[in-house]
Structure formats: structure tokens, C-alpha cells
Amino acid sequence: MTATTPARGSIGAGVLWMSALALLLFWLPVVGPLIAGYVGGRKSGSVARAFAAAVAPAIVLTLLVSVLSTALTAVPLIGILAGFGTLIFLIGNIGPMLLGALLGGFMA
């Protein structure tokens, strides 16, 4: 890629495609996230951006749950535990999407 060639894809486009397809294909246990990750990885344009697009929503959702739980209970420990539980749940479910994103980023 030269200095005049614009980058193909973006992390934002990958996140949007992965999120939308994951919501639409939730009823397919492993294949749905794999397809969502592949398409989002292709839209991201590279392996590094595809990885970031697959992991970024999990981190943002973890922080959001942590902050909102702390705000609702006024106890920071409960917010930290809720955020940590959310992170563990998302890490357990991100496997197929991450695999698809890496494949899609490699194929882009």
C-alpha cells in the first residue's frame, strides 16, 4: 500500500457488520458468529483491524456493564464483579467470531 492508496476497510465498519450479523444469526450456535466474524473481518480490511473489531465490542460492553452496575448500586465492588463476569461470558462466546474475523481479515 502506498501513501496515496486509501486503506481498505476500517475497524468501525467491521464492528458494525459483526454486530448486525451476530444479532441476525443468533439462532445458529457456532456458524452464526463465524459468518458474522468472517464478513466483519473482510470489511475491516486486515487481520489486525479484524482482531480489534472482534475484541473491541467485548471490552466496551464490559466497561459499560461495570460503570452502570456501579452507578445503580453505588458499590464499586459490585460493578467490578459484574464487569468481570460479563468479560468472562464474552470471552467464552467470542471464539467462533474471532476465528471468522481472522479468516476474513486474512482473505481481505
PDB file of N, CA and C in Angstrom:
ATOM      1  N   MET A   1       0.845  -1.170   0.000  1.00  0.00           N
ATOM      2  CA  MET A   1       0.000   0.000   0.000  1.00  0.00           C
ATOM      3  C   MET A   1       0.892   1.235   0.000  1.00  0.00           C
ATOM      4  N   THR A   2       0.646   2.136  -0.911  1.00  0.00           N
ATOM      5  CA  THR A   2       1.442   3.352  -0.999  1.00  0.00           C
ATOM      6  C   THR A   2       0.785   4.462  -0.197  1.00  0.00           C
ATOM      7  N   ALA A   3       1.446   5.600  -0.149  1.00  0.00           N
ATOM      8  CA  ALA A   3       0.934   6.725   0.624  1.00  0.00           C
ATOM      9  C   ALA A   3      -0.329   7.310   0.000  1.00  0.00           C
ATOM     10  N   THR A   4      -0.540   7.118  -1.288  1.00  0.00           N
ATOM     11  CA  THR A   4      -1.711   7.685  -1.938  1.00  0.00           C
ATOM     12  C   THR A   4      -2.894   6.731  -1.961  1.00  0.00           C
ATOM     13  N   THR A   5      -2.669   5.460  -1.684  1.00  0.00           N
ATOM     14  CA  THR A   5      -3.747   4.481  -1.707  1.00  0.00           C
ATOM     15  C   THR A   5      -4.484   4.508  -0.371  1.00  0.00           C
ATOM     16  N   PRO A   6      -5.799   4.735  -0.390  1.00  0.00           N
ATOM     17  CA  PRO A   6      -6.537   4.734   0.872  1.00  0.00           C
ATOM     18  C   PRO A   6      -6.632   3.320   1.442  1.00  0.00           C
ATOM     19  N   ALA A   7      -6.733   3.235   2.751  1.00  0.00           N
ATOM     20  CA  ALA A   7      -6.842   1.938   3.420  1.00  0.00           C
ATOM     21  C   ALA A   7      -8.183   1.297   3.086  1.00  0.00           C
ATOM     22  N   ARG A   8      -8.157  -0.011   2.890  1.00  0.00           N
ATOM     23  CA  ARG A   8      -9.388  -0.745   2.619  1.00  0.00           C
ATOM     24  C   ARG A   8     -10.017  -1.139   3.939  1.00  0.00           C
ATOM     25  N   GLY A   9     -11.231  -0.704   4.175  1.00  0.00           N
ATOM     26  CA  GLY A   9     -11.953  -1.094   5.363  1.00  0.00           C
ATOM     27  C   GLY A   9     -11.550  -0.301   6.593  1.00  0.00           C
ATOM     28  N   SER A  10     -12.281  -0.559   7.671  1.00  0.00           N
ATOM     29  CA  SER A  10     -11.992   0.118   8.931  1.00  0.00           C
ATOM     30  C   SER A  10     -12.508  -0.736  10.075  1.00  0.00           C
ATOM     31  N   ILE A  11     -12.039  -0.429  11.260  1.00  0.00           N
ATOM     32  CA  ILE A  11     -12.484  -1.156  12.443  1.00  0.00           C
ATOM     33  C   ILE A  11     -13.967  -0.891  12.687  1.00  0.00           C
ATOM     34  N   GLY A  12     -14.393   0.349  12.490  1.00  0.00           N
ATOM     35  CA  GLY A  12     -15.802   0.699  12.700  1.00  0.00           C
ATOM     36  C   GLY A  12     -16.740  -0.088  11.795  1.00  0.00           C
ATOM     37  N   ALA A  13     -16.352  -0.222  10.524  1.00  0.00           N
ATOM     38  CA  ALA A  13     -17.177  -0.992   9.597  1.00  0.00           C
ATOM     39  C   ALA A  13     -17.233  -2.461  10.014  1.00  0.00           C
ATOM     40  N   GLY A  14     -16.103  -2.992  10.460  1.00  0.00           N
ATOM     41  CA  GLY A  14     -16.073  -4.381  10.925  1.00  0.00           C
ATOM     42  C   GLY A  14     -16.947  -4.600  12.143  1.00  0.00           C
ATOM     43  N   VAL A  15     -16.896  -3.661  13.087  1.00  0.00           N
ATOM     44  CA  VAL A  15     -17.724  -3.772  14.295  1.00  0.00           C
ATOM     45  C   VAL A  15     -19.203  -3.727  13.937  1.00  0.00           C
ATOM     46  N   LEU A  16     -19.574  -2.807  13.066  1.00  0.00           N
ATOM     47  CA  LEU A  16     -20.992  -2.698  12.681  1.00  0.00           C
ATOM     48  C   LEU A  16     -21.487  -3.961  11.985  1.00  0.00           C
ATOM     49  N   TRP A  17     -20.719  -4.481  11.041  1.00  0.00           N
ATOM     50  CA  TRP A  17     -21.128  -5.687  10.331  1.00  0.00           C
ATOM     51  C   TRP A  17     -21.182  -6.894  11.262  1.00  0.00           C
ATOM     52  N   MET A  18     -20.179  -7.034  12.124  1.00  0.00           N
ATOM     53  CA  MET A  18     -20.172  -8.159  13.057  1.00  0.00           C
ATOM     54  C   MET A  18     -21.345  -8.095  14.015  1.00  0.00           C
ATOM     55  N   SER A  19     -21.624  -6.914  14.529  1.00  0.00           N
ATOM     56  CA  SER A  19     -22.722  -6.761  15.475  1.00  0.00           C
ATOM     57  C   SER A  19     -24.071  -7.040  14.819  1.00  0.00           C
ATOM     58  N   ALA A  20     -24.274  -6.460  13.645  1.00  0.00           N
ATOM     59  CA  ALA A  20     -25.558  -6.644  12.965  1.00  0.00           C
ATOM     60  C   ALA A  20     -25.782  -8.109  12.582  1.00  0.00           C
ATOM     61  N   LEU A  21     -24.771  -8.738  12.013  1.00  0.00           N
ATOM     62  CA  LEU A  21     -24.930 -10.137  11.609  1.00  0.00           C
ATOM     63  C   LEU A  21     -25.018 -11.080  12.808  1.00  0.00           C
ATOM     64  N   ALA A  22     -24.316 -10.762  13.884  1.00  0.00           N
ATOM     65  CA  ALA A  22     -24.420 -11.591  15.080  1.00  0.00           C
ATOM     66  C   ALA A  22     -25.836 -11.532  15.652  1.00  0.00           C
ATOM     67  N   LEU A  23     -26.459 -10.361  15.597  1.00  0.00           N
ATOM     68  CA  LEU A  23     -27.844 -10.248  16.064  1.00  0.00           C
ATOM     69  C   LEU A  23     -28.818 -10.979  15.141  1.00  0.00           C
ATOM     70  N   LEU A  24     -28.567 -10.922  13.849  1.00  0.00           N
ATOM     71  CA  LEU A  24     -29.448 -11.589  12.894  1.00  0.00           C
ATOM     72  C   LEU A  24     -29.274 -13.104  12.869  1.00  0.00           C
ATOM     73  N   LEU A  25     -28.066 -13.580  13.149  1.00  0.00           N
ATOM     74  CA  LEU A  25     -27.767 -15.010  13.058  1.00  0.00           C
ATOM     75  C   LEU A  25     -27.592 -15.662  14.426  1.00  0.00           C
ATOM     76  N   PHE A  26     -28.205 -15.089  15.459  1.00  0.00           N
ATOM     77  CA  PHE A  26     -28.049 -15.618  16.807  1.00  0.00           C
ATOM     78  C   PHE A  26     -28.559 -17.049  16.934  1.00  0.00           C
ATOM     79  N   TRP A  27     -29.458 -17.453  16.094  1.00  0.00           N
ATOM     80  CA  TRP A  27     -30.083 -18.770  16.192  1.00  0.00           C
ATOM     81  C   TRP A  27     -29.200 -19.884  15.638  1.00  0.00           C
ATOM     82  N   LEU A  28     -28.076 -19.548  15.030  1.00  0.00           N
ATOM     83  CA  LEU A  28     -27.102 -20.541  14.571  1.00  0.00           C
ATOM     84  C   LEU A  28     -25.944 -20.560  15.576  1.00  0.00           C
ATOM     85  N   PRO A  29     -25.852 -21.552  16.458  1.00  0.00           N
ATOM     86  CA  PRO A  29     -24.915 -21.507  17.580  1.00  0.00           C
ATOM     87  C   PRO A  29     -23.462 -21.233  17.233  1.00  0.00           C
ATOM     88  N   VAL A  30     -22.845 -21.930  16.334  1.00  0.00           N
ATOM     89  CA  VAL A  30     -21.432 -21.713  16.029  1.00  0.00           C
ATOM     90  C   VAL A  30     -21.273 -21.046  14.664  1.00  0.00           C
ATOM     91  N   VAL A  31     -22.114 -21.401  13.734  1.00  0.00           N
ATOM     92  CA  VAL A  31     -21.999 -20.899  12.370  1.00  0.00           C
ATOM     93  C   VAL A  31     -22.348 -19.414  12.284  1.00  0.00           C
ATOM     94  N   GLY A  32     -23.323 -18.956  13.072  1.00  0.00           N
ATOM     95  CA  GLY A  32     -23.727 -17.544  13.042  1.00  0.00           C
ATOM     96  C   GLY A  32     -22.589 -16.598  13.389  1.00  0.00           C
ATOM     97  N   PRO A  33     -21.939 -16.775  14.553  1.00  0.00           N
ATOM     98  CA  PRO A  33     -20.804 -15.901  14.866  1.00  0.00           C
ATOM     99  C   PRO A  33     -19.633 -16.059  13.893  1.00  0.00           C
ATOM    100  N   LEU A  34     -19.454 -17.272  13.360  1.00  0.00           N
ATOM    101  CA  LEU A  34     -18.381 -17.492  12.392  1.00  0.00           C
ATOM    102  C   LEU A  34     -18.630 -16.677  11.122  1.00  0.00           C
ATOM    103  N   ILE A  35     -19.854 -16.690  10.638  1.00  0.00           N
ATOM    104  CA  ILE A  35     -20.206 -15.902   9.447  1.00  0.00           C
ATOM    105  C   ILE A  35     -20.087 -14.411   9.746  1.00  0.00           C
ATOM    106  N   ALA A  36     -20.596 -13.991  10.908  1.00  0.00           N
ATOM    107  CA  ALA A  36     -20.521 -12.570  11.287  1.00  0.00           C
ATOM    108  C   ALA A  36     -19.067 -12.125  11.386  1.00  0.00           C
ATOM    109  N   GLY A  37     -18.217 -12.949  11.973  1.00  0.00           N
ATOM    110  CA  GLY A  37     -16.809 -12.608  12.087  1.00  0.00           C
ATOM    111  C   GLY A  37     -16.121 -12.550  10.745  1.00  0.00           C
ATOM    112  N   TYR A  38     -16.453 -13.486   9.869  1.00  0.00           N
ATOM    113  CA  TYR A  38     -15.828 -13.508   8.542  1.00  0.00           C
ATOM    114  C   TYR A  38     -16.182 -12.243   7.753  1.00  0.00           C
ATOM    115  N   VAL A  39     -17.460 -11.904   7.728  1.00  0.00           N
ATOM    116  CA  VAL A  39     -17.887 -10.719   6.978  1.00  0.00           C
ATOM    117  C   VAL A  39     -17.298  -9.460   7.605  1.00  0.00           C
ATOM    118  N   GLY A  40     -17.333  -9.375   8.939  1.00  0.00           N
ATOM    119  CA  GLY A  40     -16.745  -8.215   9.604  1.00  0.00           C
ATOM    120  C   GLY A  40     -15.248  -8.121   9.394  1.00  0.00           C
ATOM    121  N   GLY A  41     -14.574  -9.269   9.356  1.00  0.00           N
ATOM    122  CA  GLY A  41     -13.133  -9.275   9.081  1.00  0.00           C
ATOM    123  C   GLY A  41     -12.822  -8.805   7.683  1.00  0.00           C
ATOM    124  N   ARG A  42     -13.643  -9.210   6.728  1.00  0.00           N
ATOM    125  CA  ARG A  42     -13.458  -8.736   5.344  1.00  0.00           C
ATOM    126  C   ARG A  42     -13.677  -7.234   5.257  1.00  0.00           C
ATOM    127  N   LYS A  43     -14.694  -6.735   5.973  1.00  0.00           N
ATOM    128  CA  LYS A  43     -14.971  -5.297   5.948  1.00  0.00           C
ATOM    129  C   LYS A  43     -13.899  -4.501   6.687  1.00  0.00           C
ATOM    130  N   SER A  44     -13.213  -5.139   7.630  1.00  0.00           N
ATOM    131  CA  SER A  44     -12.152  -4.450   8.368  1.00  0.00           C
ATOM    132  C   SER A  44     -10.933  -4.217   7.487  1.00  0.00           C
ATOM    133  N   GLY A  45     -10.604  -5.163   6.635  1.00  0.00           N
ATOM    134  CA  GLY A  45      -9.538  -4.951   5.663  1.00  0.00           C
ATOM    135  C   GLY A  45      -8.205  -5.582   5.988  1.00  0.00           C
ATOM    136  N   SER A  46      -7.934  -5.920   7.233  1.00  0.00           N
ATOM    137  CA  SER A  46      -6.668  -6.573   7.568  1.00  0.00           C
ATOM    138  C   SER A  46      -6.877  -7.430   8.810  1.00  0.00           C
ATOM    139  N   VAL A  47      -5.905  -8.282   9.084  1.00  0.00           N
ATOM    140  CA  VAL A  47      -6.017  -9.186  10.224  1.00  0.00           C
ATOM    141  C   VAL A  47      -6.010  -8.404  11.535  1.00  0.00           C
ATOM    142  N   ALA A  48      -5.142  -7.415  11.659  1.00  0.00           N
ATOM    143  CA  ALA A  48      -5.062  -6.638  12.900  1.00  0.00           C
ATOM    144  C   ALA A  48      -6.346  -5.860  13.156  1.00  0.00           C
ATOM    145  N   ARG A  49      -6.884  -5.231  12.114  1.00  0.00           N
ATOM    146  CA  ARG A  49      -8.140  -4.494  12.286  1.00  0.00           C
ATOM    147  C   ARG A  49      -9.300  -5.440  12.541  1.00  0.00           C
ATOM    148  N   ALA A  50      -9.284  -6.623  11.941  1.00  0.00           N
ATOM    149  CA  ALA A  50     -10.338  -7.606  12.181  1.00  0.00           C
ATOM    150  C   ALA A  50     -10.304  -8.088  13.631  1.00  0.00           C
ATOM    151  N   PHE A  51      -9.103  -8.321  14.155  1.00  0.00           N
ATOM    152  CA  PHE A  51      -8.966  -8.727  15.556  1.00  0.00           C
ATOM    153  C   PHE A  51      -9.498  -7.634  16.480  1.00  0.00           C
ATOM    154  N   ALA A  52      -9.124  -6.396  16.207  1.00  0.00           N
ATOM    155  CA  ALA A  52      -9.597  -5.279  17.025  1.00  0.00           C
ATOM    156  C   ALA A  52     -11.106  -5.126  16.922  1.00  0.00           C
ATOM    157  N   ALA A  53     -11.669  -5.336  15.735  1.00  0.00           N
ATOM    158  CA  ALA A  53     -13.112  -5.213  15.554  1.00  0.00           C
ATOM    159  C   ALA A  53     -13.870  -6.321  16.280  1.00  0.00           C
ATOM    160  N   ALA A  54     -13.262  -7.476  16.440  1.00  0.00           N
ATOM    161  CA  ALA A  54     -13.922  -8.576  17.146  1.00  0.00           C
ATOM    162  C   ALA A  54     -13.810  -8.423  18.659  1.00  0.00           C
ATOM    163  N   VAL A  55     -12.716  -7.851  19.135  1.00  0.00           N
ATOM    164  CA  VAL A  55     -12.475  -7.751  20.576  1.00  0.00           C
ATOM    165  C   VAL A  55     -13.025  -6.450  21.162  1.00  0.00           C
ATOM    166  N   ALA A  56     -13.046  -5.373  20.408  1.00  0.00           N
ATOM    167  CA  ALA A  56     -13.463  -4.064  20.915  1.00  0.00           C
ATOM    168  C   ALA A  56     -14.870  -4.063  21.513  1.00  0.00           C
ATOM    169  N   PRO A  57     -15.875  -4.664  20.877  1.00  0.00           N
ATOM    170  CA  PRO A  57     -17.212  -4.645  21.491  1.00  0.00           C
ATOM    171  C   PRO A  57     -17.259  -5.355  22.837  1.00  0.00           C
ATOM    172  N   ALA A  58     -16.481  -6.405  23.009  1.00  0.00           N
ATOM    173  CA  ALA A  58     -16.456  -7.110  24.294  1.00  0.00           C
ATOM    174  C   ALA A  58     -15.880  -6.215  25.384  1.00  0.00           C
ATOM    175  N   ILE A  59     -14.839  -5.481  25.066  1.00  0.00           N
ATOM    176  CA  ILE A  59     -14.226  -4.582  26.047  1.00  0.00           C
ATOM    177  C   ILE A  59     -15.166  -3.420  26.372  1.00  0.00           C
ATOM    178  N   VAL A  60     -15.784  -2.849  25.355  1.00  0.00           N
ATOM    179  CA  VAL A  60     -16.707  -1.735  25.579  1.00  0.00           C
ATOM    180  C   VAL A  60     -17.907  -2.184  26.414  1.00  0.00           C
ATOM    181  N   LEU A  61     -18.474  -3.346  26.095  1.00  0.00           N
ATOM    182  CA  LEU A  61     -19.614  -3.845  26.853  1.00  0.00           C
ATOM    183  C   LEU A  61     -19.233  -4.154  28.294  1.00  0.00           C
ATOM    184  N   THR A  62     -18.039  -4.683  28.518  1.00  0.00           N
ATOM    185  CA  THR A  62     -17.566  -4.946  29.870  1.00  0.00           C
ATOM    186  C   THR A  62     -17.465  -3.656  30.675  1.00  0.00           C
ATOM    187  N   LEU A  63     -16.866  -2.631  30.098  1.00  0.00           N
ATOM    188  CA  LEU A  63     -16.752  -1.351  30.793  1.00  0.00           C
ATOM    189  C   LEU A  63     -18.117  -0.719  31.043  1.00  0.00           C
ATOM    190  N   LEU A  64     -19.010  -0.826  30.077  1.00  0.00           N
ATOM    191  CA  LEU A  64     -20.354  -0.270  30.220  1.00  0.00           C
ATOM    192  C   LEU A  64     -21.124  -0.954  31.345  1.00  0.00           C
ATOM    193  N   VAL A  65     -21.076  -2.275  31.394  1.00  0.00           N
ATOM    194  CA  VAL A  65     -21.757  -3.009  32.464  1.00  0.00           C
ATOM    195  C   VAL A  65     -21.153  -2.668  33.817  1.00  0.00           C
ATOM    196  N   SER A  66     -19.850  -2.545  33.875  1.00  0.00           N
ATOM    197  CA  SER A  66     -19.179  -2.206  35.132  1.00  0.00           C
ATOM    198  C   SER A  66     -19.597  -0.821  35.627  1.00  0.00           C
ATOM    199  N   VAL A  67     -19.595   0.161  34.743  1.00  0.00           N
ATOM    200  CA  VAL A  67     -19.956   1.523  35.130  1.00  0.00           C
ATOM    201  C   VAL A  67     -21.431   1.602  35.516  1.00  0.00           C
ATOM    202  N   LEU A  68     -22.304   0.992  34.733  1.00  0.00           N
ATOM    203  CA  LEU A  68     -23.729   1.052  35.046  1.00  0.00           C
ATOM    204  C   LEU A  68     -24.072   0.293  36.315  1.00  0.00           C
ATOM    205  N   SER A  69     -23.407  -0.824  36.562  1.00  0.00           N
ATOM    206  CA  SER A  69     -23.645  -1.568  37.801  1.00  0.00           C
ATOM    207  C   SER A  69     -23.184  -0.769  39.017  1.00  0.00           C
ATOM    208  N   THR A  70     -22.071  -0.100  38.882  1.00  0.00           N
ATOM    209  CA  THR A  70     -21.594   0.751  39.973  1.00  0.00           C
ATOM    210  C   THR A  70     -22.553   1.920  40.197  1.00  0.00           C
ATOM    211  N   ALA A  71     -23.050   2.504  39.120  1.00  0.00           N
ATOM    212  CA  ALA A  71     -23.973   3.628  39.250  1.00  0.00           C
ATOM    213  C   ALA A  71     -25.300   3.200  39.880  1.00  0.00           C
ATOM    214  N   LEU A  72     -25.776   2.011  39.548  1.00  0.00           N
ATOM    215  CA  LEU A  72     -27.052   1.552  40.092  1.00  0.00           C
ATOM    216  C   LEU A  72     -26.967   1.133  41.556  1.00  0.00           C
ATOM    217  N   THR A  73     -25.847   0.569  41.955  1.00  0.00           N
ATOM    218  CA  THR A  73     -25.731   0.059  43.319  1.00  0.00           C
ATOM    219  C   THR A  73     -24.928   0.971  44.241  1.00  0.00           C
ATOM    220  N   ALA A  74     -24.167   1.889  43.691  1.00  0.00           N
ATOM    221  CA  ALA A  74     -23.291   2.783  44.452  1.00  0.00           C
ATOM    222  C   ALA A  74     -22.215   2.006  45.210  1.00  0.00           C
ATOM    223  N   VAL A  75     -21.942   0.785  44.779  1.00  0.00           N
ATOM    224  CA  VAL A  75     -20.897  -0.039  45.379  1.00  0.00           C
ATOM    225  C   VAL A  75     -19.942  -0.452  44.255  1.00  0.00           C
ATOM    226  N   PRO A  76     -18.741   0.131  44.235  1.00  0.00           N
ATOM    227  CA  PRO A  76     -17.812  -0.167  43.137  1.00  0.00           C
ATOM    228  C   PRO A  76     -17.450  -1.648  43.021  1.00  0.00           C
ATOM    229  N   LEU A  77     -17.395  -2.372  44.123  1.00  0.00           N
ATOM    230  CA  LEU A  77     -17.047  -3.790  44.065  1.00  0.00           C
ATOM    231  C   LEU A  77     -18.072  -4.586  43.257  1.00  0.00           C
ATOM    232  N   ILE A  78     -19.335  -4.251  43.409  1.00  0.00           N
ATOM    233  CA  ILE A  78     -20.379  -4.940  42.640  1.00  0.00           C
ATOM    234  C   ILE A  78     -20.228  -4.616  41.151  1.00  0.00           C
ATOM    235  N   GLY A  79     -19.899  -3.382  40.826  1.00  0.00           N
ATOM    236  CA  GLY A  79     -19.674  -3.010  39.433  1.00  0.00           C
ATOM    237  C   GLY A  79     -18.491  -3.751  38.830  1.00  0.00           C
ATOM    238  N   ILE A  80     -17.420  -3.887  39.610  1.00  0.00           N
ATOM    239  CA  ILE A  80     -16.237  -4.604  39.124  1.00  0.00           C
ATOM    240  C   ILE A  80     -16.568  -6.076  38.903  1.00  0.00           C
ATOM    241  N   LEU A  81     -17.279  -6.681  39.835  1.00  0.00           N
ATOM    242  CA  LEU A  81     -17.643  -8.094  39.693  1.00  0.00           C
ATOM    243  C   LEU A  81     -18.596  -8.313  38.517  1.00  0.00           C
ATOM    244  N   ALA A  82     -19.538  -7.410  38.327  1.00  0.00           N
ATOM    245  CA  ALA A  82     -20.456  -7.534  37.187  1.00  0.00           C
ATOM    246  C   ALA A  82     -19.708  -7.378  35.866  1.00  0.00           C
ATOM    247  N   GLY A  83     -18.791  -6.436  35.816  1.00  0.00           N
ATOM    248  CA  GLY A  83     -17.990  -6.255  34.601  1.00  0.00           C
ATOM    249  C   GLY A  83     -17.102  -7.450  34.325  1.00  0.00           C
ATOM    250  N   PHE A  84     -16.481  -7.992  35.386  1.00  0.00           N
ATOM    251  CA  PHE A  84     -15.625  -9.160  35.219  1.00  0.00           C
ATOM    252  C   PHE A  84     -16.438 -10.374  34.758  1.00  0.00           C
ATOM    253  N   GLY A  85     -17.625 -10.560  35.327  1.00  0.00           N
ATOM    254  CA  GLY A  85     -18.493 -11.657  34.899  1.00  0.00           C
ATOM    255  C   GLY A  85     -18.909 -11.518  33.442  1.00  0.00           C
ATOM    256  N   THR A  86     -19.189 -10.293  33.037  1.00  0.00           N
ATOM    257  CA  THR A  86     -19.537 -10.044  31.635  1.00  0.00           C
ATOM    258  C   THR A  86     -18.363 -10.363  30.721  1.00  0.00           C
ATOM    259  N   LEU A  87     -17.155  -9.956  31.135  1.00  0.00           N
ATOM    260  CA  LEU A  87     -15.968 -10.234  30.333  1.00  0.00           C
ATOM    261  C   LEU A  87     -15.735 -11.733  30.183  1.00  0.00           C
ATOM    262  N   ILE A  88     -15.867 -12.487  31.266  1.00  0.00           N
ATOM    263  CA  ILE A  88     -15.677 -13.939  31.199  1.00  0.00           C
ATOM    264  C   ILE A  88     -16.713 -14.569  30.272  1.00  0.00           C
ATOM    265  N   PHE A  89     -17.961 -14.134  30.371  1.00  0.00           N
ATOM    266  CA  PHE A  89     -19.010 -14.653  29.494  1.00  0.00           C
ATOM    267  C   PHE A  89     -18.703 -14.347  28.032  1.00  0.00           C
ATOM    268  N   LEU A  90     -18.276 -13.130  27.744  1.00  0.00           N
ATOM    269  CA  LEU A  90     -17.998 -12.743  26.358  1.00  0.00           C
ATOM    270  C   LEU A  90     -16.771 -13.449  25.803  1.00  0.00           C
ATOM    271  N   ILE A  91     -15.748 -13.647  26.625  1.00  0.00           N
ATOM    272  CA  ILE A  91     -14.558 -14.373  26.168  1.00  0.00           C
ATOM    273  C   ILE A  91     -14.922 -15.810  25.816  1.00  0.00           C
ATOM    274  N   GLY A  92     -15.815 -16.404  26.595  1.00  0.00           N
ATOM    275  CA  GLY A  92     -16.245 -17.766  26.310  1.00  0.00           C
ATOM    276  C   GLY A  92     -17.042 -17.888  25.030  1.00  0.00           C
ATOM    277  N   ASN A  93     -17.656 -16.790  24.595  1.00  0.00           N
ATOM    278  CA  ASN A  93     -18.502 -16.831  23.408  1.00  0.00           C
ATOM    279  C   ASN A  93     -17.900 -16.155  22.181  1.00  0.00           C
ATOM    280  N   ILE A  94     -16.701 -15.624  22.294  1.00  0.00           N
ATOM    281  CA  ILE A  94     -16.125 -14.876  21.185  1.00  0.00           C
ATOM    282  C   ILE A  94     -15.316 -15.768  20.223  1.00  0.00           C
ATOM    283  N   GLY A  95     -15.081 -17.006  20.590  1.00  0.00           N
ATOM    284  CA  GLY A  95     -14.230 -17.892  19.804  1.00  0.00           C
ATOM    285  C   GLY A  95     -14.565 -17.982  18.326  1.00  0.00           C
ATOM    286  N   PRO A  96     -15.794 -18.404  17.964  1.00  0.00           N
ATOM    287  CA  PRO A  96     -16.108 -18.516  16.533  1.00  0.00           C
ATOM    288  C   PRO A  96     -16.054 -17.180  15.804  1.00  0.00           C
ATOM    289  N   MET A  97     -16.488 -16.102  16.469  1.00  0.00           N
ATOM    290  CA  MET A  97     -16.455 -14.804  15.811  1.00  0.00           C
ATOM    291  C   MET A  97     -15.011 -14.355  15.585  1.00  0.00           C
ATOM    292  N   LEU A  98     -14.157 -14.605  16.540  1.00  0.00           N
ATOM    293  CA  LEU A  98     -12.753 -14.232  16.400  1.00  0.00           C
ATOM    294  C   LEU A  98     -12.073 -15.044  15.304  1.00  0.00           C
ATOM    295  N   LEU A  99     -12.375 -16.333  15.243  1.00  0.00           N
ATOM    296  CA  LEU A  99     -11.833 -17.176  14.179  1.00  0.00           C
ATOM    297  C   LEU A  99     -12.292 -16.689  12.808  1.00  0.00           C
ATOM    298  N   GLY A 100     -13.587 -16.396  12.684  1.00  0.00           N
ATOM    299  CA  GLY A 100     -14.108 -15.881  11.424  1.00  0.00           C
ATOM    300  C   GLY A 100     -13.509 -14.536  11.063  1.00  0.00           C
ATOM    301  N   ALA A 101     -13.311 -13.663  12.072  1.00  0.00           N
ATOM    302  CA  ALA A 101     -12.725 -12.350  11.813  1.00  0.00           C
ATOM    303  C   ALA A 101     -11.287 -12.479  11.317  1.00  0.00           C
ATOM    304  N   LEU A 102     -10.534 -13.362  11.927  1.00  0.00           N
ATOM    305  CA  LEU A 102      -9.150 -13.543  11.491  1.00  0.00           C
ATOM    306  C   LEU A 102      -9.081 -14.117  10.078  1.00  0.00           C
ATOM    307  N   LEU A 103      -9.962 -15.068   9.776  1.00  0.00           N
ATOM    308  CA  LEU A 103     -10.015 -15.613   8.410  1.00  0.00           C
ATOM    309  C   LEU A 103     -10.435 -14.538   7.413  1.00  0.00           C
ATOM    310  N   GLY A 104     -11.458 -13.766   7.772  1.00  0.00           N
ATOM    311  CA  GLY A 104     -11.914 -12.703   6.880  1.00  0.00           C
ATOM    312  C   GLY A 104     -10.870 -11.618   6.680  1.00  0.00           C
ATOM    313  N   GLY A 105     -10.157 -11.268   7.749  1.00  0.00           N
ATOM    314  CA  GLY A 105      -9.097 -10.269   7.623  1.00  0.00           C
ATOM    315  C   GLY A 105      -7.943 -10.773   6.774  1.00  0.00           C
ATOM    316  N   PHE A 106      -7.656 -12.056   6.876  1.00  0.00           N
ATOM    317  CA  PHE A 106      -6.595 -12.650   6.068  1.00  0.00           C
ATOM    318  C   PHE A 106      -6.989 -12.691   4.586  1.00  0.00           C
ATOM    319  N   MET A 107      -8.268 -12.925   4.323  1.00  0.00           N
ATOM    320  CA  MET A 107      -8.741 -13.022   2.937  1.00  0.00           C
ATOM    321  C   MET A 107      -8.941 -11.647   2.297  1.00  0.00           C
ATOM    322  N   ALA A 108      -9.012 -10.582   3.102  1.00  0.00           N
ATOM    323  CA  ALA A 108      -9.272  -9.234   2.544  1.00  0.00           C
ATOM    324  C   ALA A 108      -8.085  -8.717   1.769  1.00  0.00           C
TER     325      ALA A 108
END
